[in-house]
Protein backbone atom coordinates (compact mmCIF):
# COMPACT_ATOMS: atom_id res chain seq x y z
CA MET A 1 -17.80 0.64 -9.02
CA THR A 2 -15.54 2.18 -7.44
CA GLU A 3 -12.09 1.90 -8.64
CA ILE A 4 -8.69 2.05 -5.78
CA TYR A 5 -5.48 1.54 -6.93
CA PHE A 6 -3.03 0.07 -4.70
CA VAL A 7 0.19 0.90 -5.33
CA ARG A 8 3.08 -0.82 -3.53
CA HIS A 9 6.17 2.13 -3.00
CA ALA A 10 9.26 1.52 -4.87
CA HIS A 11 13.01 0.30 -4.20
CA ALA A 12 13.77 2.79 -1.61
CA HIS A 13 17.41 3.02 0.27
CA TYR A 14 17.32 2.18 3.74
CA SER A 15 17.16 3.60 6.44
CA GLU A 16 15.74 3.50 10.13
CA ASP A 17 14.25 7.00 10.02
CA GLU A 18 10.55 5.36 8.35
CA TYR A 19 9.29 8.80 7.61
CA HIS A 20 12.17 10.36 5.41
CA ARG A 21 13.48 6.85 2.95
CA PRO A 22 13.92 7.91 -0.37
CA LEU A 23 13.58 6.43 -2.72
CA SER A 24 16.88 4.26 -4.43
CA ALA A 25 17.92 5.61 -8.28
CA GLN A 26 16.19 2.20 -9.39
CA GLY A 27 12.83 3.21 -7.28
CA GLN A 28 13.01 6.99 -9.00
CA ARG A 29 12.82 4.81 -12.13
CA ASP A 30 9.84 2.04 -11.41
CA ALA A 31 8.43 5.29 -10.21
CA GLU A 32 8.09 6.48 -13.28
CA CYS A 33 7.16 3.45 -14.90
CA VAL A 34 4.01 3.32 -12.55
CA THR A 35 3.11 7.02 -13.66
CA ASN A 36 3.26 5.53 -17.21
CA LEU A 37 1.37 2.72 -16.12
CA LEU A 38 -1.85 3.68 -15.14
CA LYS A 39 -1.53 7.82 -16.65
CA HIS A 40 -4.28 6.35 -19.62
CA HIS A 41 -5.83 5.29 -16.01
CA ARG A 42 -8.89 7.17 -14.72
CA ILE A 43 -7.06 9.01 -11.38
CA ASP A 44 -9.42 11.29 -9.59
CA ALA A 45 -7.72 11.36 -6.11
CA VAL A 46 -4.46 10.20 -4.91
CA TYR A 47 -3.87 9.18 -1.12
CA ALA A 48 -0.42 8.52 0.35
CA SER A 49 0.71 7.17 3.80
CA PRO A 50 3.06 9.30 5.09
CA TYR A 51 6.47 8.12 4.09
CA ARG A 52 8.02 9.84 1.55
CA ARG A 53 9.03 6.84 0.02
CA ALA A 54 5.13 5.74 -0.90
CA ILE A 55 4.17 9.63 -2.27
CA GLN A 56 7.25 10.02 -4.25
CA THR A 57 5.98 7.00 -6.01
CA VAL A 58 2.98 8.23 -6.12
CA GLU A 59 3.98 11.93 -7.19
CA GLY A 60 3.79 11.27 -10.72
CA ILE A 61 0.19 10.47 -10.94
CA ALA A 62 -0.09 13.48 -9.15
CA GLN A 63 1.30 15.49 -11.19
CA ALA A 64 -0.31 13.97 -14.29
CA ARG A 65 -3.27 14.79 -13.09
CA HIS A 66 -2.96 18.14 -11.32
CA LEU A 67 -4.60 16.74 -8.21
CA PRO A 68 -2.90 16.87 -4.51
CA ILE A 69 -1.42 13.75 -2.16
CA GLN A 70 -3.37 13.34 0.42
CA THR A 71 -1.45 12.19 3.49
CA ILE A 72 -3.27 9.27 5.71
CA ASP A 73 -1.07 8.37 8.47
CA ALA A 74 -3.90 5.03 9.47
CA LEU A 75 -2.29 3.74 5.66
CA LYS A 76 1.52 4.04 7.04
CA GLU A 77 3.01 0.58 6.92
CA ARG A 78 3.02 -1.35 9.85
CA GLN A 79 5.24 -1.16 12.95
CA LEU A 80 6.58 -5.09 13.15
CA ALA A 81 8.52 -4.27 16.37
CA THR A 82 10.73 -1.27 18.05
CA GLY A 83 14.39 -1.81 16.30
CA LYS A 84 15.84 -4.84 14.52
CA LEU A 85 14.21 -7.83 14.40
CA GLU A 86 17.01 -11.25 14.28
CA ASP A 87 15.38 -12.97 11.23
CA PHE A 88 12.86 -10.11 9.15
CA HIS A 89 10.68 -12.91 6.77
CA ALA A 90 10.43 -15.84 10.55
CA ALA A 91 9.61 -12.32 12.20
CA VAL A 92 6.94 -11.34 9.76
CA GLN A 93 5.49 -14.53 8.83
CA ARG A 94 5.24 -15.20 12.91
CA VAL A 95 2.49 -12.28 13.00
CA TRP A 96 0.48 -13.48 10.12
CA GLN A 97 0.89 -16.67 11.77
CA GLU A 98 -0.79 -15.58 14.42
CA PRO A 99 -3.20 -12.81 13.62
CA SER A 100 -3.50 -11.00 17.34
CA PHE A 101 0.83 -11.21 17.99
CA ALA A 102 2.84 -8.76 18.27
CA TRP A 103 6.50 -8.60 18.73
CA ALA A 104 7.60 -5.93 21.11
CA GLY A 105 6.94 -2.47 19.99
CA GLY A 106 4.62 -3.71 17.61
CA GLU A 107 1.34 -4.00 15.38
CA SER A 108 -0.57 -6.92 14.89
CA ASN A 109 -1.72 -8.02 11.52
CA GLN A 110 -5.06 -6.94 13.54
CA GLN A 111 -3.93 -4.23 15.03
CA ALA A 112 -2.52 -2.95 11.86
CA MET A 113 -5.88 -4.08 9.98
CA ALA A 114 -7.68 -1.89 12.31
CA ARG A 115 -6.63 0.77 12.08
CA ALA A 116 -6.38 1.23 8.12
CA ILE A 117 -9.51 0.17 7.36
CA PRO A 118 -11.61 2.81 8.25
CA SER A 119 -9.47 5.06 5.91
CA LEU A 120 -10.01 2.34 3.29
CA ARG A 121 -14.04 2.47 3.64
CA ASN A 122 -13.63 6.90 4.16
CA ILE A 123 -11.73 7.25 0.99
CA LEU A 124 -14.60 4.47 -0.98
CA LEU A 125 -17.08 6.53 0.76
CA THR A 126 -15.34 10.22 -0.12
CA HIS A 127 -15.83 9.27 -4.22
CA PRO A 128 -17.94 6.80 -4.69
CA GLN A 129 -17.49 5.06 -8.74
CA GLU A 130 -14.31 7.39 -8.94
CA SER A 131 -10.62 5.94 -9.81
CA VAL A 132 -8.12 6.55 -6.70
CA VAL A 133 -4.46 6.27 -6.30
CA ILE A 134 -3.27 4.62 -2.65
CA GLY A 135 0.34 4.74 -2.58
CA THR A 136 1.01 2.45 0.01
CA HIS A 137 3.05 -0.34 2.03
CA GLY A 138 3.59 -4.60 1.44
CA ASN A 139 2.55 -5.26 4.44
CA ILE A 140 -0.26 -3.05 5.47
CA MET A 141 -1.74 -3.71 2.19
CA ALA A 142 -1.66 -6.81 1.95
CA LEU A 143 -4.10 -6.55 5.31
CA MET A 144 -6.23 -3.91 3.37
CA MET A 145 -6.84 -6.63 0.15
CA GLN A 146 -7.15 -10.09 3.45
CA TYR A 147 -10.18 -7.59 4.56
CA PHE A 148 -11.70 -8.04 2.42
CA ASP A 149 -10.92 -11.20 1.02
CA ALA A 150 -9.04 -14.16 3.52
CA GLN A 151 -6.84 -15.52 0.65
CA TYR A 152 -4.15 -11.78 0.72
CA ASP A 153 -2.21 -13.60 3.11
CA TYR A 154 1.29 -14.22 4.17
CA ALA A 155 2.35 -16.25 0.88
CA PHE A 156 0.76 -13.12 -1.51
CA TRP A 157 2.32 -10.49 0.70
CA GLN A 158 5.33 -12.72 -0.09
CA THR A 159 5.03 -12.51 -4.19
CA LEU A 160 4.83 -8.81 -3.70
CA SER A 161 7.10 -6.68 -5.94
CA MET A 162 8.06 -3.30 -5.48
CA PRO A 163 6.78 -1.44 -7.02
CA ASP A 164 3.75 -3.26 -7.41
CA ILE A 165 0.18 -2.34 -8.45
CA TYR A 166 -3.86 -3.63 -8.20
CA ARG A 167 -6.95 -2.49 -9.23
CA LEU A 168 -10.33 -3.60 -6.65
CA ALA A 169 -13.22 -2.83 -7.22
CA PHE A 170 -16.14 -2.03 -5.50
CA GLN A 171 -19.64 -1.74 -5.57
CA GLY A 172 -20.12 -0.18 -2.66
CA LEU A 173 -18.13 -1.27 0.09
CA SER A 174 -18.21 -4.34 -1.02
CA LEU A 175 -15.16 -6.26 -3.19
CA GLN A 176 -16.08 -7.59 -6.57
CA GLU A 177 -12.83 -8.13 -8.69
CA VAL A 178 -8.40 -7.82 -7.82
CA THR A 179 -6.71 -7.53 -10.93
CA ARG A 180 -2.70 -6.56 -11.14
CA VAL A 181 -2.03 -4.38 -12.92
CA TRP A 182 1.86 -3.84 -13.02
CA GLN A 183 3.39 -5.77 -15.42
CA GLU A 184 7.29 -7.17 -15.14
CA ASP A 185 9.90 -6.94 -16.94
């Protein structure tokens, strides 16, 4: 089995600069909890979205294992739209209801999935029988999970916390099991 630990980033300060948004003080504390939670698991590689908050959330794991963080642009969060939307949650709900729909300047679910899945497949093929941490984001994480199992939908996305951790066990490219690892207080 190949294990993928999807780590949704911890809480970050809001900024329109998606690439450089840092973790908040609470996010930094939660990132330490992520490290402590995964320190007893075998980890062979660490990947992340190029966004600072995703990297910061898995940094402790990489440091503890003396592993580099390999960033992959395709793992960044989905672009929902250009500029602010009046109702973020309604906007997200619509793209989940209509997988081919995209807001102006944004990606549809299908487009975001088509961007991320080849990278995930490459990670699975590069690390057979290994355990890999992927620092990522809620929407793109749920979309990658939905690619393998339709139950990971809008309702699932709404249940995600910041941070959150899910372990996906694969046999080759076939998803076998999903387990939530993050334990909220």
